[in-house]
Amino acid sequence: MNNTQEPTNNGISSNQKANGWLLIGCGLLVLMIGGLCAYFATTTITLNKGYAAFCLLLFPLAGVALMGYGFKTEWAYRKFGATPLVLDPAAPGVGGQLGGTIHIITDVNANKVPEFRALLTCTHRRQYGKERKDKIRWQEEAPIHWQYNANGAQASFVFEIPEHCWPTKEWCEGSSVDWSLQVEGEFESVGKFDRNWNVVIEKRSALANTEEQAKAA
């Protein structure tokens, strides 16, 4: 199954969406249900001394933990903004380049270059009955180049994709080929950054097609 993000006018959305409020809502629901369970469990423990009833007291704790994780997720997402990925070229392909830019909205120190990396990965996924196997077919790191402005920092990078690589393939007949891009690192002032995006790699890049047409002419 392919989870490729659809590009928008503002770029490709990262896989780290602002789902913290969903986790908070689920945690609140578990807390409410757990509270009712705890009420009955307390009576049962008092009367029967049952260990099973005591376990029901863990539900409110699970709800609080889930809410705490939700707040942490929401804060981590909002700390850096949406960070949409803008590709250049817009339709990269094998035998050509994949260039990208992301804008990170945060207070950074322009005098200290953060240690970041961009990682592009091609993964072949196959299904054998109930078992699924993932194999990395190609992977490469690229350095990050920084530009700073009043709203934060702009990170850019570029990859050279070899011609022997496999293009993106939607899930069909028990297999797919997926490409993912990860950018991670740490800002000294605001902490760790880790986002990833699913991207589509065409069979032949626009650059490669242009070169072939020029040779044919």
N, C-alpha and C. Protein backbone atom coordinates (compact mmCIF):
# COMPACT_ATOMS: atom_id res chain seq x y z
N MET A 1 0.84 -1.18 0.00
CA MET A 1 0.00 0.00 0.00
C MET A 1 0.88 1.24 0.00
N ASN A 2 0.65 2.16 -0.89
CA ASN A 2 1.48 3.34 -1.02
C ASN A 2 0.90 4.49 -0.23
N ASN A 3 1.75 5.14 0.57
CA ASN A 3 1.31 6.24 1.41
C ASN A 3 1.87 7.57 0.94
N THR A 4 2.12 7.70 -0.36
CA THR A 4 2.72 8.90 -0.89
C THR A 4 1.85 10.11 -0.63
N GLN A 5 2.46 11.17 -0.14
CA GLN A 5 1.73 12.39 0.12
C GLN A 5 1.46 13.13 -1.18
N GLU A 6 0.28 13.68 -1.30
CA GLU A 6 -0.06 14.47 -2.47
C GLU A 6 0.54 15.86 -2.35
N PRO A 7 1.25 16.33 -3.39
CA PRO A 7 1.81 17.67 -3.33
C PRO A 7 0.72 18.73 -3.39
N THR A 8 0.95 19.84 -2.72
CA THR A 8 0.04 20.97 -2.75
C THR A 8 0.78 22.16 -3.33
N ASN A 9 0.08 23.29 -3.42
CA ASN A 9 0.72 24.50 -3.93
C ASN A 9 1.88 24.95 -3.03
N ASN A 10 1.83 24.55 -1.78
CA ASN A 10 2.86 24.95 -0.84
C ASN A 10 3.89 23.85 -0.58
N GLY A 11 3.84 22.76 -1.34
CA GLY A 11 4.79 21.67 -1.17
C GLY A 11 4.13 20.39 -0.69
N ILE A 12 4.97 19.42 -0.34
CA ILE A 12 4.50 18.10 0.11
C ILE A 12 4.47 18.09 1.64
N SER A 13 3.35 17.70 2.20
CA SER A 13 3.22 17.66 3.66
C SER A 13 4.08 16.54 4.24
N SER A 14 4.63 16.78 5.41
CA SER A 14 5.43 15.75 6.07
C SER A 14 4.50 14.70 6.67
N ASN A 15 5.08 13.54 7.02
CA ASN A 15 4.31 12.48 7.65
C ASN A 15 4.01 12.78 9.11
N GLN A 16 4.73 13.76 9.68
CA GLN A 16 4.49 14.15 11.06
C GLN A 16 3.43 15.24 11.10
N LYS A 17 2.19 14.84 11.01
CA LYS A 17 1.08 15.79 11.01
C LYS A 17 0.73 16.19 12.44
N ALA A 18 -0.03 17.26 12.55
CA ALA A 18 -0.43 17.75 13.87
C ALA A 18 -1.57 16.90 14.42
N ASN A 19 -1.23 15.66 14.84
CA ASN A 19 -2.25 14.75 15.34
C ASN A 19 -2.25 14.68 16.87
N GLY A 20 -1.59 15.65 17.50
CA GLY A 20 -1.54 15.63 18.96
C GLY A 20 -2.90 15.74 19.60
N TRP A 21 -3.79 16.56 19.01
CA TRP A 21 -5.12 16.73 19.61
C TRP A 21 -5.94 15.45 19.52
N LEU A 22 -5.71 14.64 18.50
CA LEU A 22 -6.41 13.36 18.40
C LEU A 22 -5.98 12.45 19.55
N LEU A 23 -4.68 12.42 19.83
CA LEU A 23 -4.19 11.62 20.95
C LEU A 23 -4.72 12.15 22.27
N ILE A 24 -4.79 13.46 22.39
CA ILE A 24 -5.32 14.06 23.63
C ILE A 24 -6.78 13.68 23.83
N GLY A 25 -7.56 13.72 22.72
CA GLY A 25 -8.97 13.33 22.80
C GLY A 25 -9.14 11.87 23.19
N CYS A 26 -8.32 10.99 22.58
CA CYS A 26 -8.39 9.56 22.93
C CYS A 26 -8.00 9.34 24.38
N GLY A 27 -6.98 10.08 24.83
CA GLY A 27 -6.55 9.94 26.22
C GLY A 27 -7.63 10.39 27.19
N LEU A 28 -8.34 11.47 26.83
CA LEU A 28 -9.42 11.96 27.68
C LEU A 28 -10.55 10.94 27.76
N LEU A 29 -10.85 10.30 26.62
CA LEU A 29 -11.90 9.28 26.60
C LEU A 29 -11.51 8.09 27.47
N VAL A 30 -10.26 7.65 27.32
CA VAL A 30 -9.78 6.53 28.15
C VAL A 30 -9.81 6.91 29.62
N LEU A 31 -9.46 8.16 29.93
CA LEU A 31 -9.45 8.62 31.32
C LEU A 31 -10.86 8.61 31.91
N MET A 32 -11.86 9.04 31.11
CA MET A 32 -13.24 9.06 31.60
C MET A 32 -13.75 7.65 31.83
N ILE A 33 -13.49 6.76 30.85
CA ILE A 33 -13.93 5.36 31.01
C ILE A 33 -13.18 4.71 32.17
N GLY A 34 -11.87 5.01 32.23
CA GLY A 34 -11.08 4.44 33.32
C GLY A 34 -11.52 4.94 34.68
N GLY A 35 -12.00 6.19 34.73
CA GLY A 35 -12.48 6.72 36.00
C GLY A 35 -13.69 5.95 36.50
N LEU A 36 -14.61 5.63 35.57
CA LEU A 36 -15.78 4.84 35.95
C LEU A 36 -15.37 3.44 36.40
N CYS A 37 -14.41 2.86 35.65
CA CYS A 37 -13.93 1.52 36.02
C CYS A 37 -13.27 1.56 37.39
N ALA A 38 -12.51 2.63 37.63
CA ALA A 38 -11.81 2.73 38.91
C ALA A 38 -12.80 2.83 40.08
N TYR A 39 -13.92 3.52 39.82
CA TYR A 39 -14.94 3.66 40.87
C TYR A 39 -15.48 2.30 41.28
N PHE A 40 -15.84 1.50 40.25
CA PHE A 40 -16.38 0.18 40.55
C PHE A 40 -15.29 -0.74 41.06
N ALA A 41 -14.05 -0.54 40.56
CA ALA A 41 -12.95 -1.40 40.99
C ALA A 41 -12.64 -1.19 42.46
N THR A 42 -12.72 0.06 42.89
CA THR A 42 -12.43 0.35 44.30
C THR A 42 -13.39 -0.40 45.22
N THR A 43 -14.68 -0.40 44.85
CA THR A 43 -15.68 -1.12 45.64
C THR A 43 -15.40 -2.61 45.62
N THR A 44 -15.04 -3.12 44.44
CA THR A 44 -14.78 -4.55 44.31
C THR A 44 -13.57 -4.96 45.12
N ILE A 45 -12.51 -4.13 45.09
CA ILE A 45 -11.31 -4.46 45.86
C ILE A 45 -11.61 -4.50 47.35
N THR A 46 -12.43 -3.52 47.78
CA THR A 46 -12.77 -3.44 49.20
C THR A 46 -13.53 -4.68 49.65
N LEU A 47 -14.43 -5.17 48.76
CA LEU A 47 -15.28 -6.30 49.14
C LEU A 47 -14.62 -7.64 48.86
N ASN A 48 -13.95 -7.78 47.73
CA ASN A 48 -13.47 -9.09 47.29
C ASN A 48 -11.95 -9.25 47.29
N LYS A 49 -11.20 -8.16 47.44
CA LYS A 49 -9.74 -8.22 47.40
C LYS A 49 -9.24 -8.86 46.11
N GLY A 50 -9.87 -8.56 44.99
CA GLY A 50 -9.52 -9.22 43.72
C GLY A 50 -8.44 -8.46 42.97
N TYR A 51 -7.47 -9.21 42.44
CA TYR A 51 -6.41 -8.60 41.66
C TYR A 51 -6.92 -8.09 40.30
N ALA A 52 -7.89 -8.78 39.73
CA ALA A 52 -8.45 -8.35 38.46
C ALA A 52 -9.08 -6.97 38.58
N ALA A 53 -9.75 -6.73 39.68
CA ALA A 53 -10.37 -5.43 39.89
C ALA A 53 -9.30 -4.35 40.06
N PHE A 54 -8.21 -4.72 40.73
CA PHE A 54 -7.13 -3.75 40.93
C PHE A 54 -6.53 -3.30 39.59
N CYS A 55 -6.48 -4.23 38.63
CA CYS A 55 -5.91 -3.89 37.31
C CYS A 55 -6.72 -2.81 36.61
N LEU A 56 -8.01 -2.73 36.91
CA LEU A 56 -8.85 -1.71 36.28
C LEU A 56 -8.42 -0.30 36.67
N LEU A 57 -7.72 -0.18 37.78
CA LEU A 57 -7.24 1.13 38.21
C LEU A 57 -6.16 1.68 37.27
N LEU A 58 -5.60 0.81 36.43
CA LEU A 58 -4.55 1.25 35.50
C LEU A 58 -5.11 2.05 34.33
N PHE A 59 -6.42 1.92 34.07
CA PHE A 59 -7.02 2.63 32.93
C PHE A 59 -6.89 4.14 33.05
N PRO A 60 -7.19 4.74 34.21
CA PRO A 60 -7.00 6.20 34.31
C PRO A 60 -5.56 6.61 34.08
N LEU A 61 -4.61 5.81 34.56
CA LEU A 61 -3.20 6.12 34.35
C LEU A 61 -2.83 6.07 32.87
N ALA A 62 -3.41 5.09 32.16
CA ALA A 62 -3.16 4.98 30.72
C ALA A 62 -3.71 6.21 29.98
N GLY A 63 -4.89 6.69 30.42
CA GLY A 63 -5.48 7.88 29.80
C GLY A 63 -4.61 9.11 30.01
N VAL A 64 -4.09 9.26 31.23
CA VAL A 64 -3.21 10.40 31.53
C VAL A 64 -1.94 10.32 30.70
N ALA A 65 -1.37 9.11 30.58
CA ALA A 65 -0.15 8.94 29.79
C ALA A 65 -0.38 9.27 28.33
N LEU A 66 -1.54 8.84 27.79
CA LEU A 66 -1.86 9.11 26.38
C LEU A 66 -2.06 10.60 26.15
N MET A 67 -2.70 11.27 27.07
CA MET A 67 -2.88 12.72 26.96
C MET A 67 -1.53 13.44 27.03
N GLY A 68 -0.67 12.96 27.91
CA GLY A 68 0.66 13.57 28.02
C GLY A 68 1.46 13.42 26.74
N TYR A 69 1.37 12.23 26.13
CA TYR A 69 2.06 12.00 24.86
C TYR A 69 1.46 12.87 23.75
N GLY A 70 0.14 13.06 23.80
CA GLY A 70 -0.51 13.91 22.81
C GLY A 70 -0.05 15.36 22.91
N PHE A 71 0.04 15.88 24.13
CA PHE A 71 0.55 17.25 24.32
C PHE A 71 1.99 17.37 23.85
N LYS A 72 2.80 16.35 24.12
CA LYS A 72 4.19 16.36 23.70
C LYS A 72 4.30 16.35 22.17
N THR A 73 3.47 15.53 21.50
CA THR A 73 3.47 15.45 20.04
C THR A 73 3.05 16.77 19.41
N GLU A 74 1.99 17.36 19.97
CA GLU A 74 1.49 18.63 19.45
C GLU A 74 2.53 19.74 19.61
N TRP A 75 3.20 19.75 20.74
CA TRP A 75 4.21 20.78 20.99
C TRP A 75 5.40 20.61 20.05
N ALA A 76 5.83 19.35 19.84
CA ALA A 76 6.96 19.08 18.96
C ALA A 76 6.65 19.49 17.52
N TYR A 77 5.40 19.29 17.08
CA TYR A 77 5.01 19.65 15.72
C TYR A 77 4.96 21.17 15.56
N ARG A 78 4.33 21.83 16.50
CA ARG A 78 4.17 23.29 16.40
C ARG A 78 5.48 24.04 16.61
N LYS A 79 6.42 23.40 17.27
CA LYS A 79 7.69 24.05 17.56
C LYS A 79 8.43 24.44 16.28
N PHE A 80 8.29 23.60 15.22
CA PHE A 80 9.00 23.85 13.97
C PHE A 80 8.07 24.22 12.81
N GLY A 81 6.76 24.18 13.02
CA GLY A 81 5.83 24.49 11.94
C GLY A 81 5.55 23.28 11.06
N ALA A 82 4.84 23.52 9.96
CA ALA A 82 4.40 22.43 9.09
C ALA A 82 5.53 21.86 8.24
N THR A 83 6.55 22.64 7.91
CA THR A 83 7.71 22.23 7.11
C THR A 83 7.35 21.48 5.83
N PRO A 84 6.55 22.07 4.92
CA PRO A 84 6.28 21.40 3.64
C PRO A 84 7.56 21.32 2.80
N LEU A 85 7.67 20.25 2.03
CA LEU A 85 8.83 20.01 1.18
C LEU A 85 8.54 20.52 -0.23
N VAL A 86 9.41 21.39 -0.74
CA VAL A 86 9.29 21.90 -2.11
C VAL A 86 10.39 21.26 -2.95
N LEU A 87 10.01 20.51 -3.97
CA LEU A 87 10.97 19.79 -4.81
C LEU A 87 11.40 20.62 -6.02
N ASP A 88 12.63 20.43 -6.42
CA ASP A 88 13.15 21.06 -7.63
C ASP A 88 14.15 20.08 -8.27
N PRO A 89 13.77 19.45 -9.41
CA PRO A 89 12.55 19.67 -10.18
C PRO A 89 11.31 19.12 -9.47
N ALA A 90 10.15 19.56 -9.93
CA ALA A 90 8.90 19.16 -9.29
C ALA A 90 8.61 17.68 -9.47
N ALA A 91 9.13 17.08 -10.55
CA ALA A 91 8.92 15.66 -10.82
C ALA A 91 10.28 14.99 -11.01
N PRO A 92 10.99 14.68 -9.93
CA PRO A 92 12.31 14.05 -10.06
C PRO A 92 12.19 12.62 -10.57
N GLY A 93 13.28 12.13 -11.16
CA GLY A 93 13.26 10.77 -11.68
C GLY A 93 14.63 10.14 -11.65
N VAL A 94 14.69 8.84 -11.93
CA VAL A 94 15.96 8.12 -11.94
C VAL A 94 16.83 8.69 -13.06
N GLY A 95 18.12 8.74 -12.80
CA GLY A 95 19.04 9.31 -13.76
C GLY A 95 19.14 10.82 -13.70
N GLY A 96 18.52 11.44 -12.72
CA GLY A 96 18.53 12.90 -12.60
C GLY A 96 18.71 13.32 -11.15
N GLN A 97 18.32 14.52 -10.86
CA GLN A 97 18.49 15.09 -9.52
C GLN A 97 17.16 15.18 -8.77
N LEU A 98 17.28 15.11 -7.45
CA LEU A 98 16.17 15.47 -6.57
C LEU A 98 16.70 16.56 -5.65
N GLY A 99 16.20 17.75 -5.86
CA GLY A 99 16.54 18.87 -4.99
C GLY A 99 15.34 19.21 -4.13
N GLY A 100 15.59 19.66 -2.94
CA GLY A 100 14.49 19.97 -2.04
C GLY A 100 14.81 21.13 -1.12
N THR A 101 13.75 21.79 -0.67
CA THR A 101 13.87 22.90 0.28
C THR A 101 12.75 22.80 1.30
N ILE A 102 13.08 23.02 2.56
CA ILE A 102 12.08 23.10 3.61
C ILE A 102 12.35 24.35 4.43
N HIS A 103 11.27 24.94 4.96
CA HIS A 103 11.40 26.13 5.79
C HIS A 103 11.01 25.77 7.21
N ILE A 104 11.94 26.02 8.14
CA ILE A 104 11.73 25.68 9.54
C ILE A 104 11.49 26.97 10.31
N ILE A 105 10.30 27.07 10.89
CA ILE A 105 9.93 28.28 11.63
C ILE A 105 10.35 28.11 13.08
N THR A 106 11.49 28.68 13.42
CA THR A 106 11.97 28.59 14.79
C THR A 106 13.05 29.62 15.01
N ASP A 107 13.37 29.86 16.25
CA ASP A 107 14.40 30.82 16.61
C ASP A 107 15.75 30.09 16.64
N VAL A 108 16.59 30.32 15.62
CA VAL A 108 17.86 29.63 15.51
C VAL A 108 19.01 30.62 15.55
N ASN A 109 20.16 30.11 15.88
CA ASN A 109 21.37 30.93 15.94
C ASN A 109 22.07 30.86 14.59
N ALA A 110 22.04 31.96 13.85
CA ALA A 110 22.63 31.97 12.51
C ALA A 110 24.15 31.87 12.55
N ASN A 111 24.74 32.11 13.70
CA ASN A 111 26.20 32.06 13.82
C ASN A 111 26.72 30.65 14.07
N LYS A 112 25.81 29.72 14.36
CA LYS A 112 26.22 28.34 14.62
C LYS A 112 25.45 27.41 13.69
N VAL A 113 26.17 26.77 12.78
CA VAL A 113 25.53 25.89 11.80
C VAL A 113 25.13 24.59 12.48
N PRO A 114 23.84 24.22 12.46
CA PRO A 114 23.40 22.98 13.11
C PRO A 114 23.86 21.75 12.33
N GLU A 115 24.03 20.65 13.04
CA GLU A 115 24.44 19.39 12.42
C GLU A 115 23.19 18.63 11.96
N PHE A 116 22.93 18.70 10.67
CA PHE A 116 21.76 18.06 10.08
C PHE A 116 22.19 17.12 8.95
N ARG A 117 21.28 16.22 8.58
CA ARG A 117 21.50 15.38 7.41
C ARG A 117 20.19 15.14 6.69
N ALA A 118 20.27 14.96 5.38
CA ALA A 118 19.13 14.54 4.57
C ALA A 118 19.41 13.13 4.08
N LEU A 119 18.41 12.27 4.17
CA LEU A 119 18.58 10.86 3.80
C LEU A 119 17.46 10.46 2.84
N LEU A 120 17.84 10.02 1.64
CA LEU A 120 16.88 9.57 0.64
C LEU A 120 16.96 8.06 0.52
N THR A 121 15.81 7.39 0.61
CA THR A 121 15.78 5.92 0.67
C THR A 121 14.75 5.37 -0.31
N CYS A 122 15.17 4.33 -1.04
CA CYS A 122 14.25 3.57 -1.91
C CYS A 122 14.02 2.21 -1.27
N THR A 123 12.76 1.88 -1.00
CA THR A 123 12.42 0.64 -0.31
C THR A 123 11.49 -0.22 -1.17
N HIS A 124 11.85 -1.48 -1.33
CA HIS A 124 11.02 -2.44 -2.05
C HIS A 124 10.23 -3.26 -1.02
N ARG A 125 8.90 -3.18 -1.09
CA ARG A 125 8.04 -3.88 -0.15
C ARG A 125 7.34 -5.03 -0.86
N ARG A 126 7.37 -6.21 -0.23
CA ARG A 126 6.74 -7.40 -0.81
C ARG A 126 5.90 -8.11 0.25
N GLN A 127 4.81 -8.70 -0.20
CA GLN A 127 3.90 -9.43 0.68
C GLN A 127 3.93 -10.91 0.33
N TYR A 128 4.25 -11.75 1.33
CA TYR A 128 4.23 -13.20 1.17
C TYR A 128 3.19 -13.76 2.14
N GLY A 129 1.97 -13.96 1.67
CA GLY A 129 0.91 -14.39 2.56
C GLY A 129 0.65 -13.33 3.61
N LYS A 130 0.82 -13.69 4.88
CA LYS A 130 0.62 -12.73 5.96
C LYS A 130 1.91 -12.00 6.33
N GLU A 131 3.01 -12.38 5.71
CA GLU A 131 4.30 -11.79 6.04
C GLU A 131 4.70 -10.74 5.00
N ARG A 132 5.16 -9.59 5.47
CA ARG A 132 5.64 -8.54 4.58
C ARG A 132 7.12 -8.29 4.81
N LYS A 133 7.87 -8.19 3.72
CA LYS A 133 9.30 -7.95 3.81
C LYS A 133 9.64 -6.64 3.11
N ASP A 134 10.46 -5.84 3.78
CA ASP A 134 10.94 -4.57 3.23
C ASP A 134 12.44 -4.67 3.02
N LYS A 135 12.90 -4.26 1.83
CA LYS A 135 14.32 -4.28 1.52
C LYS A 135 14.73 -2.94 0.94
N ILE A 136 15.77 -2.34 1.52
CA ILE A 136 16.29 -1.07 1.01
C ILE A 136 17.10 -1.33 -0.25
N ARG A 137 16.66 -0.75 -1.37
CA ARG A 137 17.34 -0.94 -2.65
C ARG A 137 18.42 0.12 -2.89
N TRP A 138 18.22 1.30 -2.34
CA TRP A 138 19.21 2.38 -2.52
C TRP A 138 19.01 3.40 -1.42
N GLN A 139 20.12 3.96 -0.93
CA GLN A 139 20.04 4.95 0.13
C GLN A 139 21.28 5.83 0.07
N GLU A 140 21.06 7.13 0.28
CA GLU A 140 22.19 8.05 0.23
C GLU A 140 21.92 9.27 1.12
N GLU A 141 22.99 9.79 1.71
CA GLU A 141 22.92 11.01 2.50
C GLU A 141 23.38 12.21 1.69
N ALA A 142 22.88 13.37 2.03
CA ALA A 142 23.30 14.61 1.37
C ALA A 142 23.45 15.69 2.42
N PRO A 143 24.41 16.60 2.23
CA PRO A 143 24.58 17.69 3.19
C PRO A 143 23.44 18.71 3.09
N ILE A 144 23.25 19.45 4.16
CA ILE A 144 22.24 20.49 4.23
C ILE A 144 22.91 21.85 4.07
N HIS A 145 22.32 22.70 3.24
CA HIS A 145 22.78 24.07 3.07
C HIS A 145 21.73 25.00 3.69
N TRP A 146 22.19 25.99 4.48
CA TRP A 146 21.30 26.81 5.28
C TRP A 146 21.26 28.25 4.80
N GLN A 147 20.06 28.81 4.89
CA GLN A 147 19.84 30.24 4.72
C GLN A 147 18.92 30.70 5.84
N TYR A 148 19.23 31.85 6.43
CA TYR A 148 18.46 32.32 7.58
C TYR A 148 17.70 33.59 7.22
N ASN A 149 16.52 33.71 7.84
CA ASN A 149 15.73 34.92 7.67
C ASN A 149 15.02 35.24 8.98
N ALA A 150 14.15 36.25 8.94
CA ALA A 150 13.50 36.70 10.16
C ALA A 150 12.54 35.66 10.73
N ASN A 151 12.05 34.74 9.90
CA ASN A 151 11.06 33.75 10.34
C ASN A 151 11.67 32.40 10.69
N GLY A 152 12.98 32.24 10.56
CA GLY A 152 13.58 30.96 10.88
C GLY A 152 14.72 30.63 9.94
N ALA A 153 14.73 29.38 9.46
CA ALA A 153 15.82 28.90 8.61
C ALA A 153 15.27 28.12 7.43
N GLN A 154 15.99 28.20 6.31
CA GLN A 154 15.63 27.44 5.11
C GLN A 154 16.74 26.44 4.83
N ALA A 155 16.35 25.16 4.80
CA ALA A 155 17.31 24.08 4.55
C ALA A 155 17.12 23.56 3.13
N SER A 156 18.21 23.42 2.38
CA SER A 156 18.14 22.90 1.02
C SER A 156 19.18 21.81 0.83
N PHE A 157 18.93 20.93 -0.13
CA PHE A 157 19.80 19.78 -0.37
C PHE A 157 19.54 19.27 -1.79
N VAL A 158 20.43 18.42 -2.29
CA VAL A 158 20.25 17.86 -3.63
C VAL A 158 20.86 16.46 -3.67
N PHE A 159 20.17 15.56 -4.34
CA PHE A 159 20.62 14.18 -4.53
C PHE A 159 20.78 13.90 -6.02
N GLU A 160 21.77 13.06 -6.34
CA GLU A 160 21.92 12.52 -7.69
C GLU A 160 21.40 11.08 -7.67
N ILE A 161 20.31 10.82 -8.38
CA ILE A 161 19.71 9.49 -8.38
C ILE A 161 20.25 8.68 -9.56
N PRO A 162 20.93 7.57 -9.31
CA PRO A 162 21.51 6.77 -10.40
C PRO A 162 20.43 6.20 -11.33
N GLU A 163 20.82 5.90 -12.53
CA GLU A 163 19.87 5.36 -13.52
C GLU A 163 19.41 3.96 -13.19
N HIS A 164 20.21 3.21 -12.42
CA HIS A 164 19.83 1.83 -12.11
C HIS A 164 18.78 1.73 -11.01
N CYS A 165 18.43 2.86 -10.39
CA CYS A 165 17.44 2.82 -9.31
C CYS A 165 16.04 2.50 -9.84
N TRP A 166 15.20 2.01 -8.95
CA TRP A 166 13.83 1.68 -9.31
C TRP A 166 12.94 2.89 -9.10
N PRO A 167 12.06 3.20 -10.04
CA PRO A 167 11.10 4.30 -9.83
C PRO A 167 9.99 3.89 -8.87
N THR A 168 9.21 4.86 -8.45
CA THR A 168 8.07 4.59 -7.56
C THR A 168 7.09 3.65 -8.24
N LYS A 169 6.59 2.69 -7.48
CA LYS A 169 5.60 1.73 -8.00
C LYS A 169 4.50 1.58 -6.97
N GLU A 170 3.27 1.90 -7.37
CA GLU A 170 2.13 1.73 -6.48
C GLU A 170 1.95 0.25 -6.14
N TRP A 171 1.29 0.01 -5.01
CA TRP A 171 1.08 -1.37 -4.56
C TRP A 171 0.29 -2.14 -5.62
N CYS A 172 0.90 -3.20 -6.15
CA CYS A 172 0.27 -4.00 -7.20
C CYS A 172 0.87 -5.40 -7.18
N GLU A 173 0.00 -6.40 -7.21
CA GLU A 173 0.43 -7.81 -7.24
C GLU A 173 1.40 -8.14 -6.11
N GLY A 174 1.12 -7.61 -4.94
CA GLY A 174 1.88 -7.97 -3.75
C GLY A 174 3.21 -7.26 -3.57
N SER A 175 3.45 -6.15 -4.27
CA SER A 175 4.71 -5.44 -4.07
C SER A 175 4.56 -3.96 -4.42
N SER A 176 5.48 -3.16 -3.90
CA SER A 176 5.52 -1.74 -4.22
C SER A 176 6.94 -1.24 -4.05
N VAL A 177 7.21 -0.08 -4.64
CA VAL A 177 8.50 0.59 -4.48
C VAL A 177 8.21 1.99 -3.96
N ASP A 178 8.71 2.29 -2.78
CA ASP A 178 8.44 3.57 -2.13
C ASP A 178 9.74 4.34 -1.91
N TRP A 179 9.66 5.64 -2.08
CA TRP A 179 10.79 6.52 -1.82
C TRP A 179 10.44 7.45 -0.66
N SER A 180 11.38 7.60 0.25
CA SER A 180 11.15 8.47 1.40
C SER A 180 12.36 9.37 1.63
N LEU A 181 12.09 10.56 2.10
CA LEU A 181 13.13 11.53 2.41
C LEU A 181 13.03 11.91 3.88
N GLN A 182 14.15 11.83 4.56
CA GLN A 182 14.20 12.18 5.98
C GLN A 182 15.21 13.30 6.19
N VAL A 183 14.83 14.27 6.99
CA VAL A 183 15.74 15.33 7.42
C VAL A 183 15.75 15.34 8.94
N GLU A 184 16.94 15.18 9.52
CA GLU A 184 17.02 15.16 10.97
C GLU A 184 18.29 15.87 11.44
N GLY A 185 18.22 16.35 12.64
CA GLY A 185 19.35 17.04 13.25
C GLY A 185 18.90 17.71 14.52
N GLU A 186 19.73 18.57 15.05
CA GLU A 186 19.41 19.20 16.33
C GLU A 186 19.87 20.65 16.34
N PHE A 187 18.95 21.51 16.78
CA PHE A 187 19.28 22.91 17.02
C PHE A 187 19.71 23.06 18.48
N GLU A 188 20.76 23.78 18.69
CA GLU A 188 21.29 23.94 20.04
C GLU A 188 20.27 24.59 20.97
N SER A 189 19.46 25.50 20.42
CA SER A 189 18.55 26.27 21.27
C SER A 189 17.17 25.63 21.46
N VAL A 190 16.69 24.89 20.46
CA VAL A 190 15.31 24.38 20.53
C VAL A 190 15.19 22.87 20.47
N GLY A 191 16.28 22.15 20.28
CA GLY A 191 16.23 20.70 20.37
C GLY A 191 16.20 19.96 19.04
N LYS A 192 15.77 18.70 19.09
CA LYS A 192 15.85 17.78 17.97
C LYS A 192 14.77 18.05 16.93
N PHE A 193 15.16 17.93 15.65
CA PHE A 193 14.24 18.03 14.52
C PHE A 193 14.31 16.72 13.76
N ASP A 194 13.15 16.14 13.44
CA ASP A 194 13.11 14.88 12.69
C ASP A 194 11.80 14.80 11.91
N ARG A 195 11.87 14.99 10.59
CA ARG A 195 10.68 14.93 9.74
C ARG A 195 10.99 14.04 8.52
N ASN A 196 9.94 13.43 7.97
CA ASN A 196 10.12 12.65 6.74
C ASN A 196 8.92 12.84 5.82
N TRP A 197 9.18 12.64 4.54
CA TRP A 197 8.19 12.84 3.49
C TRP A 197 8.25 11.67 2.53
N ASN A 198 7.12 11.28 1.97
CA ASN A 198 7.08 10.31 0.88
C ASN A 198 7.08 11.08 -0.44
N VAL A 199 7.98 10.68 -1.34
CA VAL A 199 8.11 11.37 -2.62
C VAL A 199 7.96 10.38 -3.77
N VAL A 200 7.59 10.89 -4.93
CA VAL A 200 7.42 10.06 -6.14
C VAL A 200 8.62 10.27 -7.04
N ILE A 201 9.26 9.18 -7.43
CA ILE A 201 10.39 9.21 -8.36
C ILE A 201 9.93 8.58 -9.68
N GLU A 202 10.01 9.36 -10.75
CA GLU A 202 9.54 8.90 -12.05
C GLU A 202 10.53 7.94 -12.69
N LYS A 203 10.10 7.31 -13.80
CA LYS A 203 10.97 6.37 -14.51
C LYS A 203 12.20 7.05 -15.09
N ARG A 204 11.99 8.23 -15.68
CA ARG A 204 13.09 9.01 -16.22
C ARG A 204 12.89 10.46 -15.83
N SER A 205 13.96 11.11 -15.39
CA SER A 205 13.82 12.50 -14.98
C SER A 205 13.63 13.39 -16.19
N ALA A 206 13.09 14.58 -15.95
CA ALA A 206 12.91 15.55 -17.04
C ALA A 206 14.24 15.90 -17.66
N LEU A 207 15.29 15.96 -16.83
CA LEU A 207 16.61 16.27 -17.35
C LEU A 207 17.11 15.19 -18.28
N ALA A 208 16.94 13.91 -17.89
CA ALA A 208 17.40 12.81 -18.72
C ALA A 208 16.63 12.77 -20.04
N ASN A 209 15.32 13.02 -19.99
CA ASN A 209 14.52 13.03 -21.21
C ASN A 209 14.95 14.14 -22.15
N THR A 210 15.27 15.31 -21.57
CA THR A 210 15.72 16.44 -22.38
C THR A 210 17.04 16.13 -23.08
N GLU A 211 17.95 15.49 -22.37
CA GLU A 211 19.24 15.13 -22.95
C GLU A 211 19.09 14.12 -24.08
N GLU A 212 18.18 13.15 -23.89
CA GLU A 212 17.96 12.15 -24.93
C GLU A 212 17.37 12.78 -26.19
N GLN A 213 16.43 13.74 -26.00
CA GLN A 213 15.83 14.41 -27.14
C GLN A 213 16.86 15.26 -27.87
N ALA A 214 17.80 15.87 -27.11
CA ALA A 214 18.83 16.68 -27.73
C ALA A 214 19.78 15.82 -28.56
N LYS A 215 20.13 14.62 -28.03
CA LYS A 215 21.01 13.72 -28.77
C LYS A 215 20.32 13.21 -30.04
N ALA A 216 19.02 12.94 -29.92
CA ALA A 216 18.27 12.42 -31.08
C ALA A 216 18.19 13.48 -32.19
N ALA A 217 18.12 14.77 -31.81
CA ALA A 217 18.05 15.84 -32.80
C ALA A 217 19.39 16.04 -33.47
